[in-house]
Amino acid sequence: SLRLSCAASGRTFSGYAMGWFRQAPGKEREFVADISW
C-alpha cells in the first residue's frame, strides 16, 4: 500500500473537483479517480 498526497495552493478551491491521473511508460495519461468539493 501507499498513500499519495497532493497539497494545493494559489487560489480558493471551493467548488472545484480534484483528481488523480497516471501515466505509465509508453502510455497515454489516464484518469484514475476524482472527487467533488
PDB file of all heavy atoms in Angstrom:
ATOM      1  N   SER A   1       0.824  -1.208   0.000  1.00  0.00           N
ATOM      2  CA  SER A   1       0.000   0.000   0.000  1.00  0.00           C
ATOM      3  C   SER A   1       0.854   1.252   0.000  1.00  0.00           C
ATOM      4  O   SER A   1       1.979   1.261   0.506  1.00  0.00           O
ATOM      5  CB  SER A   1      -0.901   0.032   1.240  1.00  0.00           C
ATOM      6  OG  SER A   1      -1.804  -1.055   1.266  1.00  0.00           O
ATOM      7  N   LEU A   2       0.302   2.302  -0.555  1.00  0.00           N
ATOM      8  CA  LEU A   2       0.875   3.636  -0.499  1.00  0.00           C
ATOM      9  C   LEU A   2      -0.258   4.637  -0.363  1.00  0.00           C
ATOM     10  O   LEU A   2      -1.370   4.384  -0.819  1.00  0.00           O
ATOM     11  CB  LEU A   2       1.666   3.976  -1.761  1.00  0.00           C
ATOM     12  CG  LEU A   2       3.025   3.330  -1.984  1.00  0.00           C
ATOM     13  CD1 LEU A   2       3.522   3.666  -3.392  1.00  0.00           C
ATOM     14  CD2 LEU A   2       4.026   3.807  -0.943  1.00  0.00           C
ATOM     15  N   ARG A   3       0.033   5.775   0.244  1.00  0.00           N
ATOM     16  CA  ARG A   3      -0.905   6.879   0.261  1.00  0.00           C
ATOM     17  C   ARG A   3      -0.257   8.098  -0.361  1.00  0.00           C
ATOM     18  O   ARG A   3       0.753   8.599   0.145  1.00  0.00           O
ATOM     19  CB  ARG A   3      -1.383   7.219   1.672  1.00  0.00           C
ATOM     20  CG  ARG A   3      -2.557   8.209   1.652  1.00  0.00           C
ATOM     21  CD  ARG A   3      -3.092   8.539   3.021  1.00  0.00           C
ATOM     22  NE  ARG A   3      -2.277   9.522   3.716  1.00  0.00           N
ATOM     23  CZ  ARG A   3      -2.746  10.362   4.637  1.00  0.00           C
ATOM     24  NH1 ARG A   3      -4.028  10.319   4.982  1.00  0.00           N
ATOM     25  NH2 ARG A   3      -1.926  11.206   5.227  1.00  0.00           N
ATOM     26  N   LEU A   4      -0.833   8.567  -1.446  1.00  0.00           N
ATOM     27  CA  LEU A   4      -0.355   9.762  -2.109  1.00  0.00           C
ATOM     28  C   LEU A   4      -1.075  10.983  -1.560  1.00  0.00           C
ATOM     29  O   LEU A   4      -2.257  10.924  -1.237  1.00  0.00           O
ATOM     30  CB  LEU A   4      -0.590   9.679  -3.619  1.00  0.00           C
ATOM     31  CG  LEU A   4      -0.032   8.451  -4.341  1.00  0.00           C
ATOM     32  CD1 LEU A   4      -0.288   8.576  -5.840  1.00  0.00           C
ATOM     33  CD2 LEU A   4       1.450   8.270  -4.054  1.00  0.00           C
ATOM     34  N   SER A   5      -0.355  12.088  -1.489  1.00  0.00           N
ATOM     35  CA  SER A   5      -0.928  13.348  -1.060  1.00  0.00           C
ATOM     36  C   SER A   5      -0.661  14.409  -2.112  1.00  0.00           C
ATOM     37  O   SER A   5       0.352  14.367  -2.813  1.00  0.00           O
ATOM     38  CB  SER A   5      -0.320  13.802   0.273  1.00  0.00           C
ATOM     39  OG  SER A   5      -0.573  12.876   1.302  1.00  0.00           O
ATOM     40  N   CYS A   6      -1.560  15.361  -2.214  1.00  0.00           N
ATOM     41  CA  CYS A   6      -1.389  16.488  -3.118  1.00  0.00           C
ATOM     42  C   CYS A   6      -1.813  17.748  -2.393  1.00  0.00           C
ATOM     43  O   CYS A   6      -2.990  17.913  -2.060  1.00  0.00           O
ATOM     44  CB  CYS A   6      -2.218  16.292  -4.382  1.00  0.00           C
ATOM     45  SG  CYS A   6      -2.226  17.709  -5.499  1.00  0.00           S
ATOM     46  N   ALA A   7      -0.861  18.615  -2.148  1.00  0.00           N
ATOM     47  CA  ALA A   7      -1.118  19.877  -1.478  1.00  0.00           C
ATOM     48  C   ALA A   7      -1.304  20.974  -2.518  1.00  0.00           C
ATOM     49  O   ALA A   7      -0.439  21.180  -3.372  1.00  0.00           O
ATOM     50  CB  ALA A   7       0.033  20.222  -0.538  1.00  0.00           C
ATOM     51  N   ALA A   8      -2.421  21.672  -2.432  1.00  0.00           N
ATOM     52  CA  ALA A   8      -2.763  22.709  -3.400  1.00  0.00           C
ATOM     53  C   ALA A   8      -2.679  24.091  -2.773  1.00  0.00           C
ATOM     54  O   ALA A   8      -2.988  24.279  -1.593  1.00  0.00           O
ATOM     55  CB  ALA A   8      -4.168  22.470  -3.942  1.00  0.00           C
ATOM     56  N   SER A   9      -2.281  25.056  -3.568  1.00  0.00           N
ATOM     57  CA  SER A   9      -2.202  26.431  -3.098  1.00  0.00           C
ATOM     58  C   SER A   9      -2.401  27.383  -4.273  1.00  0.00           C
ATOM     59  O   SER A   9      -2.352  26.975  -5.431  1.00  0.00           O
ATOM     60  CB  SER A   9      -0.859  26.705  -2.416  1.00  0.00           C
ATOM     61  OG  SER A   9       0.218  26.533  -3.320  1.00  0.00           O
ATOM     62  N   GLY A  10      -2.626  28.646  -3.978  1.00  0.00           N
ATOM     63  CA  GLY A  10      -2.680  29.672  -5.003  1.00  0.00           C
ATOM     64  C   GLY A  10      -4.049  30.230  -5.325  1.00  0.00           C
ATOM     65  O   GLY A  10      -4.155  31.224  -6.040  1.00  0.00           O
ATOM     66  N   ARG A  11      -5.092  29.611  -4.819  1.00  0.00           N
ATOM     67  CA  ARG A  11      -6.443  30.103  -5.032  1.00  0.00           C
ATOM     68  C   ARG A  11      -7.376  29.451  -4.031  1.00  0.00           C
ATOM     69  O   ARG A  11      -6.989  28.507  -3.334  1.00  0.00           O
ATOM     70  CB  ARG A  11      -6.935  29.824  -6.454  1.00  0.00           C
ATOM     71  CG  ARG A  11      -7.287  28.365  -6.677  1.00  0.00           C
ATOM     72  CD  ARG A  11      -7.978  28.113  -8.005  1.00  0.00           C
ATOM     73  NE  ARG A  11      -8.448  26.742  -8.078  1.00  0.00           N
ATOM     74  CZ  ARG A  11      -8.874  26.136  -9.175  1.00  0.00           C
ATOM     75  NH1 ARG A  11      -8.893  26.804 -10.329  1.00  0.00           N
ATOM     76  NH2 ARG A  11      -9.293  24.874  -9.134  1.00  0.00           N
ATOM     77  N   THR A  12      -8.604  29.917  -4.001  1.00  0.00           N
ATOM     78  CA  THR A  12      -9.649  29.239  -3.256  1.00  0.00           C
ATOM     79  C   THR A  12     -10.141  28.061  -4.080  1.00  0.00           C
ATOM     80  O   THR A  12     -10.440  28.205  -5.267  1.00  0.00           O
ATOM     81  CB  THR A  12     -10.806  30.189  -2.952  1.00  0.00           C
ATOM     82  OG1 THR A  12     -10.348  31.255  -2.130  1.00  0.00           O
ATOM     83  CG2 THR A  12     -11.935  29.455  -2.244  1.00  0.00           C
ATOM     84  N   PHE A  13     -10.214  26.901  -3.462  1.00  0.00           N
ATOM     85  CA  PHE A  13     -10.594  25.693  -4.178  1.00  0.00           C
ATOM     86  C   PHE A  13     -12.048  25.300  -3.948  1.00  0.00           C
ATOM     87  O   PHE A  13     -12.476  24.226  -4.396  1.00  0.00           O
ATOM     88  CB  PHE A  13      -9.654  24.547  -3.802  1.00  0.00           C
ATOM     89  CG  PHE A  13      -8.275  24.748  -4.334  1.00  0.00           C
ATOM     90  CD1 PHE A  13      -7.323  25.430  -3.587  1.00  0.00           C
ATOM     91  CD2 PHE A  13      -7.935  24.288  -5.590  1.00  0.00           C
ATOM     92  CE1 PHE A  13      -6.052  25.644  -4.091  1.00  0.00           C
ATOM     93  CE2 PHE A  13      -6.668  24.497  -6.101  1.00  0.00           C
ATOM     94  CZ  PHE A  13      -5.730  25.183  -5.354  1.00  0.00           C
ATOM     95  N   SER A  14     -12.795  26.154  -3.307  1.00  0.00           N
ATOM     96  CA  SER A  14     -14.200  25.885  -3.062  1.00  0.00           C
ATOM     97  C   SER A  14     -14.940  25.628  -4.365  1.00  0.00           C
ATOM     98  O   SER A  14     -14.878  26.425  -5.302  1.00  0.00           O
ATOM     99  CB  SER A  14     -14.836  27.061  -2.322  1.00  0.00           C
ATOM    100  OG  SER A  14     -16.210  26.831  -2.100  1.00  0.00           O
ATOM    101  N   GLY A  15     -15.655  24.502  -4.419  1.00  0.00           N
ATOM    102  CA  GLY A  15     -16.471  24.166  -5.573  1.00  0.00           C
ATOM    103  C   GLY A  15     -15.763  23.415  -6.685  1.00  0.00           C
ATOM    104  O   GLY A  15     -16.410  22.995  -7.639  1.00  0.00           O
ATOM    105  N   TYR A  16     -14.465  23.235  -6.566  1.00  0.00           N
ATOM    106  CA  TYR A  16     -13.696  22.597  -7.634  1.00  0.00           C
ATOM    107  C   TYR A  16     -13.408  21.142  -7.327  1.00  0.00           C
ATOM    108  O   TYR A  16     -12.960  20.799  -6.230  1.00  0.00           O
ATOM    109  CB  TYR A  16     -12.375  23.322  -7.845  1.00  0.00           C
ATOM    110  CG  TYR A  16     -12.518  24.713  -8.410  1.00  0.00           C
ATOM    111  CD1 TYR A  16     -12.623  25.810  -7.569  1.00  0.00           C
ATOM    112  CD2 TYR A  16     -12.552  24.918  -9.784  1.00  0.00           C
ATOM    113  CE1 TYR A  16     -12.762  27.093  -8.083  1.00  0.00           C
ATOM    114  CE2 TYR A  16     -12.685  26.193 -10.306  1.00  0.00           C
ATOM    115  CZ  TYR A  16     -12.785  27.277  -9.457  1.00  0.00           C
ATOM    116  OH  TYR A  16     -12.914  28.541  -9.972  1.00  0.00           O
ATOM    117  N   ALA A  17     -13.623  20.313  -8.325  1.00  0.00           N
ATOM    118  CA  ALA A  17     -13.225  18.921  -8.208  1.00  0.00           C
ATOM    119  C   ALA A  17     -11.709  18.790  -8.289  1.00  0.00           C
ATOM    120  O   ALA A  17     -11.024  19.627  -8.878  1.00  0.00           O
ATOM    121  CB  ALA A  17     -13.871  18.096  -9.318  1.00  0.00           C
ATOM    122  N   MET A  18     -11.209  17.721  -7.706  1.00  0.00           N
ATOM    123  CA  MET A  18      -9.804  17.381  -7.837  1.00  0.00           C
ATOM    124  C   MET A  18      -9.699  15.918  -8.221  1.00  0.00           C
ATOM    125  O   MET A  18     -10.585  15.123  -7.909  1.00  0.00           O
ATOM    126  CB  MET A  18      -9.037  17.650  -6.546  1.00  0.00           C
ATOM    127  CG  MET A  18      -9.020  19.116  -6.162  1.00  0.00           C
ATOM    128  SD  MET A  18      -7.921  19.501  -4.772  1.00  0.00           S
ATOM    129  CE  MET A  18      -6.317  19.284  -5.570  1.00  0.00           C
ATOM    130  N   GLY A  19      -8.622  15.589  -8.888  1.00  0.00           N
ATOM    131  CA  GLY A  19      -8.490  14.231  -9.366  1.00  0.00           C
ATOM    132  C   GLY A  19      -7.060  13.742  -9.403  1.00  0.00           C
ATOM    133  O   GLY A  19      -6.112  14.511  -9.215  1.00  0.00           O
ATOM    134  N   TRP A  20      -6.939  12.450  -9.623  1.00  0.00           N
ATOM    135  CA  TRP A  20      -5.657  11.791  -9.813  1.00  0.00           C
ATOM    136  C   TRP A  20      -5.625  11.125 -11.177  1.00  0.00           C
ATOM    137  O   TRP A  20      -6.602  10.487 -11.588  1.00  0.00           O
ATOM    138  CB  TRP A  20      -5.407  10.733  -8.739  1.00  0.00           C
ATOM    139  CG  TRP A  20      -5.109  11.288  -7.386  1.00  0.00           C
ATOM    140  CD1 TRP A  20      -5.986  11.502  -6.369  1.00  0.00           C
ATOM    141  CD2 TRP A  20      -3.820  11.701  -6.907  1.00  0.00           C
ATOM    142  NE1 TRP A  20      -5.328  12.022  -5.277  1.00  0.00           N
ATOM    143  CE2 TRP A  20      -4.000  12.148  -5.583  1.00  0.00           C
ATOM    144  CE3 TRP A  20      -2.542  11.728  -7.468  1.00  0.00           C
ATOM    145  CZ2 TRP A  20      -2.940  12.628  -4.807  1.00  0.00           C
ATOM    146  CZ3 TRP A  20      -1.500  12.205  -6.691  1.00  0.00           C
ATOM    147  CH2 TRP A  20      -1.706  12.641  -5.378  1.00  0.00           C
ATOM    148  N   PHE A  21      -4.504  11.270 -11.848  1.00  0.00           N
ATOM    149  CA  PHE A  21      -4.243  10.643 -13.134  1.00  0.00           C
ATOM    150  C   PHE A  21      -2.903   9.937 -13.051  1.00  0.00           C
ATOM    151  O   PHE A  21      -2.106  10.206 -12.156  1.00  0.00           O
ATOM    152  CB  PHE A  21      -4.223  11.689 -14.251  1.00  0.00           C
ATOM    153  CG  PHE A  21      -5.537  12.379 -14.476  1.00  0.00           C
ATOM    154  CD1 PHE A  21      -6.010  13.326 -13.575  1.00  0.00           C
ATOM    155  CD2 PHE A  21      -6.310  12.084 -15.590  1.00  0.00           C
ATOM    156  CE1 PHE A  21      -7.219  13.962 -13.779  1.00  0.00           C
ATOM    157  CE2 PHE A  21      -7.521  12.718 -15.810  1.00  0.00           C
ATOM    158  CZ  PHE A  21      -7.973  13.656 -14.897  1.00  0.00           C
ATOM    159  N   ARG A  22      -2.650   9.051 -13.989  1.00  0.00           N
ATOM    160  CA  ARG A  22      -1.358   8.379 -14.008  1.00  0.00           C
ATOM    161  C   ARG A  22      -0.909   8.152 -15.438  1.00  0.00           C
ATOM    162  O   ARG A  22      -1.713   8.083 -16.363  1.00  0.00           O
ATOM    163  CB  ARG A  22      -1.404   7.056 -13.238  1.00  0.00           C
ATOM    164  CG  ARG A  22      -2.305   5.995 -13.849  1.00  0.00           C
ATOM    165  CD  ARG A  22      -2.411   4.795 -12.922  1.00  0.00           C
ATOM    166  NE  ARG A  22      -3.242   3.748 -13.486  1.00  0.00           N
ATOM    167  CZ  ARG A  22      -3.599   2.647 -12.844  1.00  0.00           C
ATOM    168  NH1 ARG A  22      -3.194   2.449 -11.585  1.00  0.00           N
ATOM    169  NH2 ARG A  22      -4.361   1.739 -13.448  1.00  0.00           N
ATOM    170  N   GLN A  23       0.403   8.029 -15.596  1.00  0.00           N
ATOM    171  CA  GLN A  23       0.978   7.784 -16.904  1.00  0.00           C
ATOM    172  C   GLN A  23       2.111   6.780 -16.769  1.00  0.00           C
ATOM    173  O   GLN A  23       3.101   7.038 -16.088  1.00  0.00           O
ATOM    174  CB  GLN A  23       1.489   9.079 -17.531  1.00  0.00           C
ATOM    175  CG  GLN A  23       1.953   8.912 -18.967  1.00  0.00           C
ATOM    176  CD  GLN A  23       2.185  10.243 -19.656  1.00  0.00           C
ATOM    177  OE1 GLN A  23       2.416  11.262 -19.006  1.00  0.00           O
ATOM    178  NE2 GLN A  23       2.117  10.241 -20.974  1.00  0.00           N
ATOM    179  N   ALA A  24       1.939   5.642 -17.408  1.00  0.00           N
ATOM    180  CA  ALA A  24       2.958   4.607 -17.438  1.00  0.00           C
ATOM    181  C   ALA A  24       3.856   4.818 -18.650  1.00  0.00           C
ATOM    182  O   ALA A  24       3.451   5.459 -19.629  1.00  0.00           O
ATOM    183  CB  ALA A  24       2.309   3.230 -17.489  1.00  0.00           C
ATOM    184  N   PRO A  25       5.071   4.281 -18.623  1.00  0.00           N
ATOM    185  CA  PRO A  25       5.974   4.438 -19.774  1.00  0.00           C
ATOM    186  C   PRO A  25       5.340   3.948 -21.064  1.00  0.00           C
ATOM    187  O   PRO A  25       4.786   2.844 -21.120  1.00  0.00           O
ATOM    188  CB  PRO A  25       7.176   3.581 -19.387  1.00  0.00           C
ATOM    189  CG  PRO A  25       7.167   3.577 -17.894  1.00  0.00           C
ATOM    190  CD  PRO A  25       5.705   3.553 -17.524  1.00  0.00           C
ATOM    191  N   GLY A  26       5.401   4.771 -22.093  1.00  0.00           N
ATOM    192  CA  GLY A  26       4.857   4.409 -23.384  1.00  0.00           C
ATOM    193  C   GLY A  26       3.349   4.478 -23.491  1.00  0.00           C
ATOM    194  O   GLY A  26       2.793   4.110 -24.535  1.00  0.00           O
ATOM    195  N   LYS A  27       2.685   4.940 -22.451  1.00  0.00           N
ATOM    196  CA  LYS A  27       1.232   5.011 -22.431  1.00  0.00           C
ATOM    197  C   LYS A  27       0.761   6.453 -22.294  1.00  0.00           C
ATOM    198  O   LYS A  27       1.496   7.324 -21.844  1.00  0.00           O
ATOM    199  CB  LYS A  27       0.662   4.184 -21.274  1.00  0.00           C
ATOM    200  CG  LYS A  27       1.066   2.727 -21.274  1.00  0.00           C
ATOM    201  CD  LYS A  27       0.434   1.980 -22.428  1.00  0.00           C
ATOM    202  CE  LYS A  27       0.742   0.493 -22.334  1.00  0.00           C
ATOM    203  NZ  LYS A  27       0.121  -0.263 -23.450  1.00  0.00           N
ATOM    204  N   GLU A  28      -0.472   6.685 -22.698  1.00  0.00           N
ATOM    205  CA  GLU A  28      -1.072   7.997 -22.501  1.00  0.00           C
ATOM    206  C   GLU A  28      -1.505   8.159 -21.051  1.00  0.00           C
ATOM    207  O   GLU A  28      -1.752   7.185 -20.339  1.00  0.00           O
ATOM    208  CB  GLU A  28      -2.276   8.177 -23.427  1.00  0.00           C
ATOM    209  CG  GLU A  28      -1.934   8.195 -24.893  1.00  0.00           C
ATOM    210  CD  GLU A  28      -3.132   8.476 -25.770  1.00  0.00           C
ATOM    211  OE1 GLU A  28      -4.257   8.563 -25.244  1.00  0.00           O
ATOM    212  OE2 GLU A  28      -2.944   8.616 -26.987  1.00  0.00           O
ATOM    213  N   ARG A  29      -1.595   9.403 -20.633  1.00  0.00           N
ATOM    214  CA  ARG A  29      -2.089   9.676 -19.300  1.00  0.00           C
ATOM    215  C   ARG A  29      -3.545   9.231 -19.188  1.00  0.00           C
ATOM    216  O   ARG A  29      -4.353   9.477 -20.083  1.00  0.00           O
ATOM    217  CB  ARG A  29      -1.959  11.165 -18.995  1.00  0.00           C
ATOM    218  CG  ARG A  29      -2.280  11.534 -17.561  1.00  0.00           C
ATOM    219  CD  ARG A  29      -1.958  13.000 -17.279  1.00  0.00           C
ATOM    220  NE  ARG A  29      -0.540  13.278 -17.451  1.00  0.00           N
ATOM    221  CZ  ARG A  29       0.023  14.449 -17.204  1.00  0.00           C
ATOM    222  NH1 ARG A  29      -0.703  15.462 -16.761  1.00  0.00           N
ATOM    223  NH2 ARG A  29       1.326  14.616 -17.408  1.00  0.00           N
ATOM    224  N   GLU A  30      -3.871   8.571 -18.090  1.00  0.00           N
ATOM    225  CA  GLU A  30      -5.221   8.073 -17.896  1.00  0.00           C
ATOM    226  C   GLU A  30      -5.804   8.550 -16.574  1.00  0.00           C
ATOM    227  O   GLU A  30      -5.095   8.775 -15.594  1.00  0.00           O
ATOM    228  CB  GLU A  30      -5.259   6.538 -17.957  1.00  0.00           C
ATOM    229  CG  GLU A  30      -4.541   5.848 -16.810  1.00  0.00           C
ATOM    230  CD  GLU A  30      -4.780   4.350 -16.776  1.00  0.00           C
ATOM    231  OE1 GLU A  30      -5.737   3.868 -17.416  1.00  0.00           O
ATOM    232  OE2 GLU A  30      -3.998   3.652 -16.098  1.00  0.00           O
ATOM    233  N   PHE A  31      -7.103   8.651 -16.567  1.00  0.00           N
ATOM    234  CA  PHE A  31      -7.839   9.009 -15.371  1.00  0.00           C
ATOM    235  C   PHE A  31      -7.791   7.876 -14.364  1.00  0.00           C
ATOM    236  O   PHE A  31      -7.918   6.701 -14.722  1.00  0.00           O
ATOM    237  CB  PHE A  31      -9.291   9.310 -15.750  1.00  0.00           C
ATOM    238  CG  PHE A  31     -10.220   9.437 -14.588  1.00  0.00           C
ATOM    239  CD1 PHE A  31     -10.286  10.602 -13.857  1.00  0.00           C
ATOM    240  CD2 PHE A  31     -11.035   8.375 -14.232  1.00  0.00           C
ATOM    241  CE1 PHE A  31     -11.148  10.725 -12.788  1.00  0.00           C
ATOM    242  CE2 PHE A  31     -11.899   8.487 -13.168  1.00  0.00           C
ATOM    243  CZ  PHE A  31     -11.956   9.661 -12.442  1.00  0.00           C
ATOM    244  N   VAL A  32      -7.624   8.222 -13.098  1.00  0.00           N
ATOM    245  CA  VAL A  32      -7.643   7.237 -12.023  1.00  0.00           C
ATOM    246  C   VAL A  32      -8.853   7.442 -11.116  1.00  0.00           C
ATOM    247  O   VAL A  32      -9.642   6.525 -10.897  1.00  0.00           O
ATOM    248  CB  VAL A  32      -6.354   7.286 -11.187  1.00  0.00           C
ATOM    249  CG1 VAL A  32      -6.434   6.302 -10.023  1.00  0.00           C
ATOM    250  CG2 VAL A  32      -5.142   6.975 -12.055  1.00  0.00           C
ATOM    251  N   ALA A  33      -8.997   8.642 -10.574  1.00  0.00           N
ATOM    252  CA  ALA A  33     -10.076   8.926  -9.634  1.00  0.00           C
ATOM    253  C   ALA A  33     -10.262  10.424  -9.512  1.00  0.00           C
ATOM    254  O   ALA A  33      -9.328  11.195  -9.736  1.00  0.00           O
ATOM    255  CB  ALA A  33      -9.771   8.334  -8.257  1.00  0.00           C
ATOM    256  N   ASP A  34     -11.462  10.847  -9.158  1.00  0.00           N
ATOM    257  CA  ASP A  34     -11.654  12.239  -8.777  1.00  0.00           C
ATOM    258  C   ASP A  34     -12.746  12.360  -7.734  1.00  0.00           C
ATOM    259  O   ASP A  34     -13.452  11.398  -7.431  1.00  0.00           O
ATOM    260  CB  ASP A  34     -11.869  13.171  -9.970  1.00  0.00           C
ATOM    261  CG  ASP A  34     -13.103  12.879 -10.806  1.00  0.00           C
ATOM    262  OD1 ASP A  34     -13.925  12.016 -10.427  1.00  0.00           O
ATOM    263  OD2 ASP A  34     -13.245  13.527 -11.866  1.00  0.00           O
ATOM    264  N   ILE A  35     -12.858  13.568  -7.195  1.00  0.00           N
ATOM    265  CA  ILE A  35     -13.723  13.792  -6.054  1.00  0.00           C
ATOM    266  C   ILE A  35     -14.285  15.203  -6.109  1.00  0.00           C
ATOM    267  O   ILE A  35     -13.587  16.152  -6.460  1.00  0.00           O
ATOM    268  CB  ILE A  35     -12.946  13.538  -4.739  1.00  0.00           C
ATOM    269  CG1 ILE A  35     -13.859  13.646  -3.510  1.00  0.00           C
ATOM    270  CG2 ILE A  35     -11.746  14.479  -4.628  1.00  0.00           C
ATOM    271  CD1 ILE A  35     -13.202  13.113  -2.241  1.00  0.00           C
ATOM    272  N   SER A  36     -15.551  15.338  -5.772  1.00  0.00           N
ATOM    273  CA  SER A  36     -16.193  16.643  -5.746  1.00  0.00           C
ATOM    274  C   SER A  36     -15.729  17.452  -4.546  1.00  0.00           C
ATOM    275  O   SER A  36     -15.094  16.935  -3.628  1.00  0.00           O
ATOM    276  CB  SER A  36     -17.712  16.478  -5.705  1.00  0.00           C
ATOM    277  OG  SER A  36     -18.117  15.866  -4.486  1.00  0.00           O
ATOM    278  N   TRP A  37     -16.068  18.728  -4.546  1.00  0.00           N
ATOM    279  CA  TRP A  37     -15.690  19.614  -3.449  1.00  0.00           C
ATOM    280  C   TRP A  37     -16.161  19.073  -2.102  1.00  0.00           C
ATOM    281  O   TRP A  37     -15.406  19.089  -1.125  1.00  0.00           O
ATOM    282  CB  TRP A  37     -16.243  21.010  -3.676  1.00  0.00           C
ATOM    283  CG  TRP A  37     -16.228  21.881  -2.456  1.00  0.00           C
ATOM    284  CD1 TRP A  37     -17.290  22.261  -1.704  1.00  0.00           C
ATOM    285  CD2 TRP A  37     -15.075  22.476  -1.852  1.00  0.00           C
ATOM    286  NE1 TRP A  37     -16.892  23.063  -0.663  1.00  0.00           N
ATOM    287  CE2 TRP A  37     -15.524  23.214  -0.728  1.00  0.00           C
ATOM    288  CE3 TRP A  37     -13.714  22.463  -2.148  1.00  0.00           C
ATOM    289  CZ2 TRP A  37     -14.666  23.926   0.100  1.00  0.00           C
ATOM    290  CZ3 TRP A  37     -12.849  23.168  -1.320  1.00  0.00           C
ATOM    291  CH2 TRP A  37     -13.321  23.888  -0.218  1.00  0.00           C
TER     292      TRP A  37
END
